[in-house]
Structures are given as structure tokens and as C-alpha cells.
Amino acid sequence: MPNHGAIKRLPDDMVVETQAIVNGSGITLKPMTVELPTAVIGTIHIQGSIHKLLLEAFVEQSKTKLLQAILLDPQSPTYYQACAMIDEMCEMQKDILPKLEWK
């Protein structure tokens, strides 16, 4: 669900997994009573940015946005390896992926 202040220092529109109250009125996130460490918040921000770029890449049909998402990951390959991986993935899965282009 969207954060809406449940986890401090994360954007309100970021989708988060945390404790919630579920009843006849719906689902309400329980605000966290302790602040997450800076390193954890930083990691979550990176992953959130990667997910956002992935969505943008497919909506915009952009290999460049997909490359940006891949390179943000701390475990990413080199720039040239990532470019080759994207081209190979798009070719191998062309029947199920939208047509992506370098933009």
C-alpha cells in the first residue's frame, strides 16, 4: 500500500510492506514507532527508484530507462554488459515484452 507516512523518511507514494489493521473499514497501515536506520532507508530508496524506472521503461518503451534501472542496482554488471544483456533479453523475450528502443 502507499506509505502515507507509515514509515518515516520514505515518500508517501512509495508502496511499502508493513503492519496494517484490516477490518470492515478497509486496510490501514500502522505507523512504525521506531525509525529505520539510514542505511536501510537508503537501500529502500534505491530499490524504489529501480522499480519506478522499470515501470517508466516499459511505459515509454525505452531501453535507456531500463539501462538506468539496471545500473542503479549495486550488483549490476558493467555498462557494456548491461547494454548487451538488455538487447539479448529483448530479443529472447520479444513475444512477451513490448518493443523497447534505445532513446
PDB file of N, CA and C in Angstrom:
ATOM      1  N   MET A   1       0.846  -1.178   0.000  1.00  0.00           N
ATOM      2  CA  MET A   1       0.000   0.000   0.000  1.00  0.00           C
ATOM      3  C   MET A   1       0.890   1.239   0.000  1.00  0.00           C
ATOM      4  N   PRO A   2       0.358   2.363  -0.477  1.00  0.00           N
ATOM      5  CA  PRO A   2       1.149   3.598  -0.404  1.00  0.00           C
ATOM      6  C   PRO A   2       1.499   3.922   1.052  1.00  0.00           C
ATOM      7  N   ASN A   3       2.702   4.378   1.264  1.00  0.00           N
ATOM      8  CA  ASN A   3       3.248   4.624   2.591  1.00  0.00           C
ATOM      9  C   ASN A   3       2.394   5.592   3.425  1.00  0.00           C
ATOM     10  N   HIS A   4       2.074   6.728   2.886  1.00  0.00           N
ATOM     11  CA  HIS A   4       1.284   7.758   3.586  1.00  0.00           C
ATOM     12  C   HIS A   4       1.766   7.993   5.014  1.00  0.00           C
ATOM     13  N   GLY A   5       3.093   8.082   5.189  1.00  0.00           N
ATOM     14  CA  GLY A   5       3.660   8.420   6.491  1.00  0.00           C
ATOM     15  C   GLY A   5       3.836   7.261   7.461  1.00  0.00           C
ATOM     16  N   ALA A   6       3.485   6.051   7.066  1.00  0.00           N
ATOM     17  CA  ALA A   6       3.617   4.908   7.979  1.00  0.00           C
ATOM     18  C   ALA A   6       5.085   4.631   8.314  1.00  0.00           C
ATOM     19  N   ILE A   7       5.970   4.829   7.328  1.00  0.00           N
ATOM     20  CA  ILE A   7       7.408   4.647   7.561  1.00  0.00           C
ATOM     21  C   ILE A   7       8.080   5.989   7.322  1.00  0.00           C
ATOM     22  N   LYS A   8       8.604   6.563   8.394  1.00  0.00           N
ATOM     23  CA  LYS A   8       9.233   7.884   8.305  1.00  0.00           C
ATOM     24  C   LYS A   8      10.409   7.859   7.345  1.00  0.00           C
ATOM     25  N   ARG A   9      10.596   8.982   6.648  1.00  0.00           N
ATOM     26  CA  ARG A   9      11.709   9.214   5.724  1.00  0.00           C
ATOM     27  C   ARG A   9      11.580   8.460   4.403  1.00  0.00           C
ATOM     28  N   LEU A  10      10.397   7.886   4.154  1.00  0.00           N
ATOM     29  CA  LEU A  10      10.113   7.312   2.836  1.00  0.00           C
ATOM     30  C   LEU A  10       9.004   8.133   2.196  1.00  0.00           C
ATOM     31  N   PRO A  11       9.018   8.248   0.859  1.00  0.00           N
ATOM     32  CA  PRO A  11       7.974   9.023   0.188  1.00  0.00           C
ATOM     33  C   PRO A  11       6.569   8.473   0.477  1.00  0.00           C
ATOM     34  N   ASP A  12       5.613   9.374   0.578  1.00  0.00           N
ATOM     35  CA  ASP A  12       4.228   8.970   0.849  1.00  0.00           C
ATOM     36  C   ASP A  12       3.660   8.077  -0.244  1.00  0.00           C
ATOM     37  N   ASP A  13       4.084   8.281  -1.502  1.00  0.00           N
ATOM     38  CA  ASP A  13       3.515   7.498  -2.603  1.00  0.00           C
ATOM     39  C   ASP A  13       4.260   6.183  -2.854  1.00  0.00           C
ATOM     40  N   MET A  14       5.335   5.920  -2.101  1.00  0.00           N
ATOM     41  CA  MET A  14       6.068   4.663  -2.266  1.00  0.00           C
ATOM     42  C   MET A  14       5.239   3.519  -1.678  1.00  0.00           C
ATOM     43  N   VAL A  15       5.135   2.437  -2.425  1.00  0.00           N
ATOM     44  CA  VAL A  15       4.408   1.258  -1.934  1.00  0.00           C
ATOM     45  C   VAL A  15       5.303   0.533  -0.937  1.00  0.00           C
ATOM     46  N   VAL A  16       4.742   0.231   0.236  1.00  0.00           N
ATOM     47  CA  VAL A  16       5.521  -0.404   1.297  1.00  0.00           C
ATOM     48  C   VAL A  16       4.789  -1.632   1.838  1.00  0.00           C
ATOM     49  N   GLU A  17       5.553  -2.495   2.463  1.00  0.00           N
ATOM     50  CA  GLU A  17       5.009  -3.637   3.193  1.00  0.00           C
ATOM     51  C   GLU A  17       5.307  -3.397   4.662  1.00  0.00           C
ATOM     52  N   THR A  18       4.264  -3.301   5.463  1.00  0.00           N
ATOM     53  CA  THR A  18       4.427  -3.092   6.895  1.00  0.00           C
ATOM     54  C   THR A  18       3.177  -3.592   7.596  1.00  0.00           C
ATOM     55  N   GLN A  19       3.140  -3.467   8.902  1.00  0.00           N
ATOM     56  CA  GLN A  19       1.967  -3.909   9.647  1.00  0.00           C
ATOM     57  C   GLN A  19       0.758  -3.051   9.279  1.00  0.00           C
ATOM     58  N   ALA A  20      -0.405  -3.690   9.323  1.00  0.00           N
ATOM     59  CA  ALA A  20      -1.637  -2.985   8.986  1.00  0.00           C
ATOM     60  C   ALA A  20      -2.785  -3.525   9.834  1.00  0.00           C
ATOM     61  N   ILE A  21      -3.831  -2.733   9.901  1.00  0.00           N
ATOM     62  CA  ILE A  21      -5.073  -3.140  10.555  1.00  0.00           C
ATOM     63  C   ILE A  21      -6.094  -3.359   9.450  1.00  0.00           C
ATOM     64  N   VAL A  22      -6.696  -4.536   9.456  1.00  0.00           N
ATOM     65  CA  VAL A  22      -7.695  -4.871   8.449  1.00  0.00           C
ATOM     66  C   VAL A  22      -9.013  -5.085   9.168  1.00  0.00           C
ATOM     67  N   ASN A  23     -10.029  -4.341   8.739  1.00  0.00           N
ATOM     68  CA  ASN A  23     -11.365  -4.504   9.322  1.00  0.00           C
ATOM     69  C   ASN A  23     -12.410  -4.130   8.277  1.00  0.00           C
ATOM     70  N   GLY A  24     -13.633  -3.998   8.689  1.00  0.00           N
ATOM     71  CA  GLY A  24     -14.715  -3.677   7.767  1.00  0.00           C
ATOM     72  C   GLY A  24     -14.547  -2.334   7.075  1.00  0.00           C
ATOM     73  N   SER A  25     -13.708  -1.473   7.616  1.00  0.00           N
ATOM     74  CA  SER A  25     -13.461  -0.159   7.004  1.00  0.00           C
ATOM     75  C   SER A  25     -12.353  -0.209   5.959  1.00  0.00           C
ATOM     76  N   GLY A  26     -11.664  -1.346   5.860  1.00  0.00           N
ATOM     77  CA  GLY A  26     -10.593  -1.471   4.873  1.00  0.00           C
ATOM     78  C   GLY A  26      -9.267  -1.812   5.520  1.00  0.00           C
ATOM     79  N   ILE A  27      -8.194  -1.384   4.883  1.00  0.00           N
ATOM     80  CA  ILE A  27      -6.839  -1.656   5.353  1.00  0.00           C
ATOM     81  C   ILE A  27      -6.188  -0.327   5.717  1.00  0.00           C
ATOM     82  N   THR A  28      -5.652  -0.251   6.934  1.00  0.00           N
ATOM     83  CA  THR A  28      -4.972   0.956   7.394  1.00  0.00           C
ATOM     84  C   THR A  28      -3.579   0.562   7.878  1.00  0.00           C
ATOM     85  N   LEU A  29      -2.558   1.188   7.301  1.00  0.00           N
ATOM     86  CA  LEU A  29      -1.195   0.893   7.742  1.00  0.00           C
ATOM     87  C   LEU A  29      -0.973   1.428   9.149  1.00  0.00           C
ATOM     88  N   LYS A  30      -0.256   0.645   9.956  1.00  0.00           N
ATOM     89  CA  LYS A  30       0.129   1.083  11.296  1.00  0.00           C
ATOM     90  C   LYS A  30       1.445   1.831  11.186  1.00  0.00           C
ATOM     91  N   PRO A  31       1.504   3.060  11.685  1.00  0.00           N
ATOM     92  CA  PRO A  31       2.779   3.785  11.638  1.00  0.00           C
ATOM     93  C   PRO A  31       3.842   3.063  12.459  1.00  0.00           C
ATOM     94  N   MET A  32       5.064   3.032  11.952  1.00  0.00           N
ATOM     95  CA  MET A  32       6.167   2.428  12.693  1.00  0.00           C
ATOM     96  C   MET A  32       6.533   3.339  13.850  1.00  0.00           C
ATOM     97  N   THR A  33       6.786   2.747  14.991  1.00  0.00           N
ATOM     98  CA  THR A  33       7.109   3.540  16.180  1.00  0.00           C
ATOM     99  C   THR A  33       8.596   3.846  16.281  1.00  0.00           C
ATOM    100  N   VAL A  34       9.423   3.097  15.569  1.00  0.00           N
ATOM    101  CA  VAL A  34      10.869   3.367  15.546  1.00  0.00           C
ATOM    102  C   VAL A  34      11.281   3.744  14.125  1.00  0.00           C
ATOM    103  N   GLU A  35      12.292   4.585  14.039  1.00  0.00           N
ATOM    104  CA  GLU A  35      12.799   4.987  12.733  1.00  0.00           C
ATOM    105  C   GLU A  35      13.784   3.951  12.221  1.00  0.00           C
ATOM    106  N   LEU A  36      13.688   3.643  10.954  1.00  0.00           N
ATOM    107  CA  LEU A  36      14.641   2.714  10.343  1.00  0.00           C
ATOM    108  C   LEU A  36      16.007   3.383  10.231  1.00  0.00           C
ATOM    109  N   PRO A  37      17.078   2.608  10.340  1.00  0.00           N
ATOM    110  CA  PRO A  37      18.430   3.173  10.184  1.00  0.00           C
ATOM    111  C   PRO A  37      18.623   3.784   8.796  1.00  0.00           C
ATOM    112  N   THR A  38      19.497   4.753   8.724  1.00  0.00           N
ATOM    113  CA  THR A  38      19.766   5.457   7.472  1.00  0.00           C
ATOM    114  C   THR A  38      20.153   4.499   6.355  1.00  0.00           C
ATOM    115  N   ALA A  39      20.969   3.486   6.661  1.00  0.00           N
ATOM    116  CA  ALA A  39      21.392   2.532   5.631  1.00  0.00           C
ATOM    117  C   ALA A  39      20.198   1.773   5.052  1.00  0.00           C
ATOM    118  N   VAL A  40      19.243   1.414   5.894  1.00  0.00           N
ATOM    119  CA  VAL A  40      18.050   0.692   5.433  1.00  0.00           C
ATOM    120  C   VAL A  40      17.182   1.613   4.581  1.00  0.00           C
ATOM    121  N   ILE A  41      16.978   2.839   5.045  1.00  0.00           N
ATOM    122  CA  ILE A  41      16.197   3.822   4.273  1.00  0.00           C
ATOM    123  C   ILE A  41      16.853   4.051   2.913  1.00  0.00           C
ATOM    124  N   GLY A  42      18.179   4.167   2.886  1.00  0.00           N
ATOM    125  CA  GLY A  42      18.895   4.369   1.620  1.00  0.00           C
ATOM    126  C   GLY A  42      18.701   3.217   0.663  1.00  0.00           C
ATOM    127  N   THR A  43      18.779   1.996   1.181  1.00  0.00           N
ATOM    128  CA  THR A  43      18.582   0.812   0.349  1.00  0.00           C
ATOM    129  C   THR A  43      17.167   0.774  -0.217  1.00  0.00           C
ATOM    130  N   ILE A  44      16.193   1.089   0.615  1.00  0.00           N
ATOM    131  CA  ILE A  44      14.794   1.104   0.159  1.00  0.00           C
ATOM    132  C   ILE A  44      14.601   2.171  -0.912  1.00  0.00           C
ATOM    133  N   HIS A  45      15.222   3.335  -0.730  1.00  0.00           N
ATOM    134  CA  HIS A  45      15.118   4.405  -1.744  1.00  0.00           C
ATOM    135  C   HIS A  45      15.690   3.929  -3.087  1.00  0.00           C
ATOM    136  N   ILE A  46      16.837   3.261  -3.040  1.00  0.00           N
ATOM    137  CA  ILE A  46      17.440   2.759  -4.281  1.00  0.00           C
ATOM    138  C   ILE A  46      16.501   1.764  -4.954  1.00  0.00           C
ATOM    139  N   GLN A  47      15.987   0.809  -4.200  1.00  0.00           N
ATOM    140  CA  GLN A  47      15.094  -0.201  -4.779  1.00  0.00           C
ATOM    141  C   GLN A  47      13.818   0.451  -5.322  1.00  0.00           C
ATOM    142  N   GLY A  48      13.288   1.434  -4.609  1.00  0.00           N
ATOM    143  CA  GLY A  48      12.105   2.145  -5.091  1.00  0.00           C
ATOM    144  C   GLY A  48      12.379   2.867  -6.402  1.00  0.00           C
ATOM    145  N   SER A  49      13.566   3.474  -6.511  1.00  0.00           N
ATOM    146  CA  SER A  49      13.948   4.159  -7.748  1.00  0.00           C
ATOM    147  C   SER A  49      14.104   3.173  -8.895  1.00  0.00           C
ATOM    148  N   ILE A  50      14.665   2.013  -8.607  1.00  0.00           N
ATOM    149  CA  ILE A  50      14.806   0.977  -9.631  1.00  0.00           C
ATOM    150  C   ILE A  50      13.433   0.552 -10.130  1.00  0.00           C
ATOM    151  N   HIS A  51      12.520   0.284  -9.226  1.00  0.00           N
ATOM    152  CA  HIS A  51      11.172  -0.151  -9.620  1.00  0.00           C
ATOM    153  C   HIS A  51      10.458   0.920 -10.434  1.00  0.00           C
ATOM    154  N   LYS A  52      10.600   2.179 -10.023  1.00  0.00           N
ATOM    155  CA  LYS A  52       9.976   3.281 -10.762  1.00  0.00           C
ATOM    156  C   LYS A  52      10.545   3.368 -12.182  1.00  0.00           C
ATOM    157  N   LEU A  53      11.860   3.255 -12.315  1.00  0.00           N
ATOM    158  CA  LEU A  53      12.487   3.300 -13.640  1.00  0.00           C
ATOM    159  C   LEU A  53      12.061   2.119 -14.507  1.00  0.00           C
ATOM    160  N   LEU A  54      11.905   0.941 -13.902  1.00  0.00           N
ATOM    161  CA  LEU A  54      11.441  -0.220 -14.667  1.00  0.00           C
ATOM    162  C   LEU A  54      10.056   0.025 -15.252  1.00  0.00           C
ATOM    163  N   LEU A  55       9.170   0.565 -14.444  1.00  0.00           N
ATOM    164  CA  LEU A  55       7.823   0.873 -14.942  1.00  0.00           C
ATOM    165  C   LEU A  55       7.887   1.905 -16.059  1.00  0.00           C
ATOM    166  N   GLU A  56       8.657   2.968 -15.841  1.00  0.00           N
ATOM    167  CA  GLU A  56       8.797   4.007 -16.868  1.00  0.00           C
ATOM    168  C   GLU A  56       9.386   3.431 -18.156  1.00  0.00           C
ATOM    169  N   ALA A  57      10.343   2.534 -18.027  1.00  0.00           N
ATOM    170  CA  ALA A  57      10.979   1.930 -19.207  1.00  0.00           C
ATOM    171  C   ALA A  57       9.950   1.222 -20.071  1.00  0.00           C
ATOM    172  N   PHE A  58       9.065   0.477 -19.459  1.00  0.00           N
ATOM    173  CA  PHE A  58       8.096  -0.283 -20.249  1.00  0.00           C
ATOM    174  C   PHE A  58       6.957   0.601 -20.748  1.00  0.00           C
ATOM    175  N   VAL A  59       6.553   1.587 -19.964  1.00  0.00           N
ATOM    176  CA  VAL A  59       5.514   2.523 -20.430  1.00  0.00           C
ATOM    177  C   VAL A  59       6.040   3.341 -21.611  1.00  0.00           C
ATOM    178  N   GLU A  60       7.286   3.814 -21.498  1.00  0.00           N
ATOM    179  CA  GLU A  60       7.895   4.653 -22.543  1.00  0.00           C
ATOM    180  C   GLU A  60       8.587   3.829 -23.626  1.00  0.00           C
ATOM    181  N   GLN A  61       8.609   2.511 -23.471  1.00  0.00           N
ATOM    182  CA  GLN A  61       9.274   1.596 -24.399  1.00  0.00           C
ATOM    183  C   GLN A  61      10.731   1.999 -24.622  1.00  0.00           C
ATOM    184  N   SER A  62      11.417   2.245 -23.501  1.00  0.00           N
ATOM    185  CA  SER A  62      12.769   2.793 -23.543  1.00  0.00           C
ATOM    186  C   SER A  62      13.806   1.842 -22.951  1.00  0.00           C
ATOM    187  N   LYS A  63      14.732   1.401 -23.780  1.00  0.00           N
ATOM    188  CA  LYS A  63      15.854   0.603 -23.291  1.00  0.00           C
ATOM    189  C   LYS A  63      16.770   1.460 -22.415  1.00  0.00           C
ATOM    190  N   THR A  64      16.829   2.749 -22.690  1.00  0.00           N
ATOM    191  CA  THR A  64      17.679   3.646 -21.911  1.00  0.00           C
ATOM    192  C   THR A  64      17.219   3.716 -20.464  1.00  0.00           C
ATOM    193  N   LYS A  65      15.916   3.816 -20.234  1.00  0.00           N
ATOM    194  CA  LYS A  65      15.389   3.815 -18.859  1.00  0.00           C
ATOM    195  C   LYS A  65      15.645   2.468 -18.193  1.00  0.00           C
ATOM    196  N   LEU A  66      15.518   1.402 -18.955  1.00  0.00           N
ATOM    197  CA  LEU A  66      15.796   0.071 -18.419  1.00  0.00           C
ATOM    198  C   LEU A  66      17.270  -0.025 -18.010  1.00  0.00           C
ATOM    199  N   LEU A  67      18.150   0.524 -18.823  1.00  0.00           N
ATOM    200  CA  LEU A  67      19.577   0.548 -18.508  1.00  0.00           C
ATOM    201  C   LEU A  67      19.827   1.328 -17.215  1.00  0.00           C
ATOM    202  N   GLN A  68      19.171   2.468 -17.066  1.00  0.00           N
ATOM    203  CA  GLN A  68      19.332   3.258 -15.844  1.00  0.00           C
ATOM    204  C   GLN A  68      18.920   2.450 -14.620  1.00  0.00           C
ATOM    205  N   ALA A  69      17.816   1.722 -14.727  1.00  0.00           N
ATOM    206  CA  ALA A  69      17.341   0.901 -13.611  1.00  0.00           C
ATOM    207  C   ALA A  69      18.364  -0.177 -13.264  1.00  0.00           C
ATOM    208  N   ILE A  70      18.905  -0.822 -14.275  1.00  0.00           N
ATOM    209  CA  ILE A  70      19.880  -1.891 -14.041  1.00  0.00           C
ATOM    210  C   ILE A  70      21.147  -1.332 -13.393  1.00  0.00           C
ATOM    211  N   LEU A  71      21.627  -0.199 -13.890  1.00  0.00           N
ATOM    212  CA  LEU A  71      22.883   0.358 -13.380  1.00  0.00           C
ATOM    213  C   LEU A  71      22.751   0.924 -11.971  1.00  0.00           C
ATOM    214  N   LEU A  72      21.533   1.224 -11.522  1.00  0.00           N
ATOM    215  CA  LEU A  72      21.333   1.680 -10.143  1.00  0.00           C
ATOM    216  C   LEU A  72      21.540   0.560  -9.130  1.00  0.00           C
ATOM    217  N   ASP A  73      21.341  -0.659  -9.555  1.00  0.00           N
ATOM    218  CA  ASP A  73      21.481  -1.792  -8.650  1.00  0.00           C
ATOM    219  C   ASP A  73      22.951  -1.976  -8.287  1.00  0.00           C
ATOM    220  N   PRO A  74      23.258  -2.063  -6.981  1.00  0.00           N
ATOM    221  CA  PRO A  74      24.654  -2.227  -6.576  1.00  0.00           C
ATOM    222  C   PRO A  74      25.306  -3.500  -7.137  1.00  0.00           C
ATOM    223  N   GLN A  75      24.520  -4.470  -7.533  1.00  0.00           N
ATOM    224  CA  GLN A  75      25.057  -5.718  -8.074  1.00  0.00           C
ATOM    225  C   GLN A  75      25.083  -5.724  -9.604  1.00  0.00           C
ATOM    226  N   SER A  76      24.903  -4.569 -10.208  1.00  0.00           N
ATOM    227  CA  SER A  76      24.777  -4.509 -11.667  1.00  0.00           C
ATOM    228  C   SER A  76      26.090  -4.854 -12.368  1.00  0.00           C
ATOM    229  N   PRO A  77      25.939  -5.325 -13.602  1.00  0.00           N
ATOM    230  CA  PRO A  77      27.142  -5.572 -14.417  1.00  0.00           C
ATOM    231  C   PRO A  77      27.691  -4.232 -14.913  1.00  0.00           C
ATOM    232  N   THR A  78      28.729  -4.284 -15.728  1.00  0.00           N
ATOM    233  CA  THR A  78      29.270  -3.061 -16.307  1.00  0.00           C
ATOM    234  C   THR A  78      28.264  -2.464 -17.290  1.00  0.00           C
ATOM    235  N   TYR A  79      28.519  -1.235 -17.685  1.00  0.00           N
ATOM    236  CA  TYR A  79      27.650  -0.541 -18.646  1.00  0.00           C
ATOM    237  C   TYR A  79      27.479  -1.377 -19.917  1.00  0.00           C
ATOM    238  N   TYR A  80      28.594  -1.828 -20.490  1.00  0.00           N
ATOM    239  CA  TYR A  80      28.524  -2.567 -21.754  1.00  0.00           C
ATOM    240  C   TYR A  80      27.861  -3.931 -21.583  1.00  0.00           C
ATOM    241  N   GLN A  81      28.112  -4.582 -20.458  1.00  0.00           N
ATOM    242  CA  GLN A  81      27.445  -5.859 -20.185  1.00  0.00           C
ATOM    243  C   GLN A  81      25.940  -5.653 -20.024  1.00  0.00           C
ATOM    244  N   ALA A  82      25.553  -4.570 -19.354  1.00  0.00           N
ATOM    245  CA  ALA A  82      24.127  -4.284 -19.160  1.00  0.00           C
ATOM    246  C   ALA A  82      23.443  -4.004 -20.498  1.00  0.00           C
ATOM    247  N   CYS A  83      24.104  -3.242 -21.372  1.00  0.00           N
ATOM    248  CA  CYS A  83      23.535  -2.962 -22.703  1.00  0.00           C
ATOM    249  C   CYS A  83      23.339  -4.260 -23.483  1.00  0.00           C
ATOM    250  N   ALA A  84      24.344  -5.112 -23.468  1.00  0.00           N
ATOM    251  CA  ALA A  84      24.250  -6.390 -24.180  1.00  0.00           C
ATOM    252  C   ALA A  84      23.156  -7.267 -23.575  1.00  0.00           C
ATOM    253  N   MET A  85      23.053  -7.264 -22.247  1.00  0.00           N
ATOM    254  CA  MET A  85      22.033  -8.056 -21.569  1.00  0.00           C
ATOM    255  C   MET A  85      20.630  -7.591 -21.958  1.00  0.00           C
ATOM    256  N   ILE A  86      20.433  -6.286 -22.035  1.00  0.00           N
ATOM    257  CA  ILE A  86      19.129  -5.740 -22.424  1.00  0.00           C
ATOM    258  C   ILE A  86      18.781  -6.155 -23.849  1.00  0.00           C
ATOM    259  N   ASP A  87      19.728  -5.999 -24.759  1.00  0.00           N
ATOM    260  CA  ASP A  87      19.468  -6.387 -26.148  1.00  0.00           C
ATOM    261  C   ASP A  87      19.143  -7.876 -26.253  1.00  0.00           C
ATOM    262  N   GLU A  88      19.900  -8.701 -25.536  1.00  0.00           N
ATOM    263  CA  GLU A  88      19.667 -10.148 -25.567  1.00  0.00           C
ATOM    264  C   GLU A  88      18.308 -10.500 -24.969  1.00  0.00           C
ATOM    265  N   MET A  89      17.970  -9.880 -23.822  1.00  0.00           N
ATOM    266  CA  MET A  89      16.684 -10.148 -23.178  1.00  0.00           C
ATOM    267  C   MET A  89      15.525  -9.750 -24.094  1.00  0.00           C
ATOM    268  N   CYS A  90      15.641  -8.587 -24.705  1.00  0.00           N
ATOM    269  CA  CYS A  90      14.567  -8.111 -25.596  1.00  0.00           C
ATOM    270  C   CYS A  90      14.393  -9.033 -26.802  1.00  0.00           C
ATOM    271  N   GLU A  91      15.495  -9.550 -27.316  1.00  0.00           N
ATOM    272  CA  GLU A  91      15.407 -10.470 -28.448  1.00  0.00           C
ATOM    273  C   GLU A  91      14.809 -11.805 -28.024  1.00  0.00           C
ATOM    274  N   MET A  92      15.294 -12.345 -26.910  1.00  0.00           N
ATOM    275  CA  MET A  92      14.828 -13.663 -26.457  1.00  0.00           C
ATOM    276  C   MET A  92      13.359 -13.648 -26.018  1.00  0.00           C
ATOM    277  N   GLN A  93      12.888 -12.507 -25.518  1.00  0.00           N
ATOM    278  CA  GLN A  93      11.527 -12.432 -24.986  1.00  0.00           C
ATOM    279  C   GLN A  93      10.637 -11.494 -25.798  1.00  0.00           C
ATOM    280  N   LYS A  94      10.968 -11.333 -27.071  1.00  0.00           N
ATOM    281  CA  LYS A  94      10.223 -10.393 -27.912  1.00  0.00           C
ATOM    282  C   LYS A  94       8.750 -10.745 -28.046  1.00  0.00           C
ATOM    283  N   ASP A  95       8.401 -12.009 -27.834  1.00  0.00           N
ATOM    284  CA  ASP A  95       6.995 -12.410 -27.940  1.00  0.00           C
ATOM    285  C   ASP A  95       6.156 -11.939 -26.756  1.00  0.00           C
ATOM    286  N   ILE A  96       6.810 -11.652 -25.619  1.00  0.00           N
ATOM    287  CA  ILE A  96       6.044 -11.248 -24.442  1.00  0.00           C
ATOM    288  C   ILE A  96       6.352  -9.828 -23.955  1.00  0.00           C
ATOM    289  N   LEU A  97       7.463  -9.255 -24.400  1.00  0.00           N
ATOM    290  CA  LEU A  97       7.827  -7.893 -23.988  1.00  0.00           C
ATOM    291  C   LEU A  97       7.379  -6.878 -25.027  1.00  0.00           C
ATOM    292  N   PRO A  98       7.058  -5.673 -24.574  1.00  0.00           N
ATOM    293  CA  PRO A  98       6.809  -4.613 -25.567  1.00  0.00           C
ATOM    294  C   PRO A  98       8.100  -4.311 -26.308  1.00  0.00           C
ATOM    295  N   LYS A  99       7.968  -3.751 -27.486  1.00  0.00           N
ATOM    296  CA  LYS A  99       9.170  -3.389 -28.261  1.00  0.00           C
ATOM    297  C   LYS A  99       9.839  -2.206 -27.571  1.00  0.00           C
ATOM    298  N   LEU A 100      11.056  -2.424 -27.113  1.00  0.00           N
ATOM    299  CA  LEU A 100      11.825  -1.361 -26.452  1.00  0.00           C
ATOM    300  C   LEU A 100      12.900  -0.860 -27.395  1.00  0.00           C
ATOM    301  N   GLU A 101      13.170   0.439 -27.333  1.00  0.00           N
ATOM    302  CA  GLU A 101      14.180   1.041 -28.199  1.00  0.00           C
ATOM    303  C   GLU A 101      15.129   1.880 -27.367  1.00  0.00           C
ATOM    304  N   TRP A 102      16.356   2.054 -27.912  1.00  0.00           N
ATOM    305  CA  TRP A 102      17.324   2.957 -27.267  1.00  0.00           C
ATOM    306  C   TRP A 102      16.893   4.376 -27.555  1.00  0.00           C
ATOM    307  N   LYS A 103      16.501   5.107 -26.532  1.00  0.00           N
ATOM    308  CA  LYS A 103      16.044   6.508 -26.692  1.00  0.00           C
ATOM    309  C   LYS A 103      16.839   7.414 -25.816  1.00  0.00           C
TER     310      LYS A 103
END
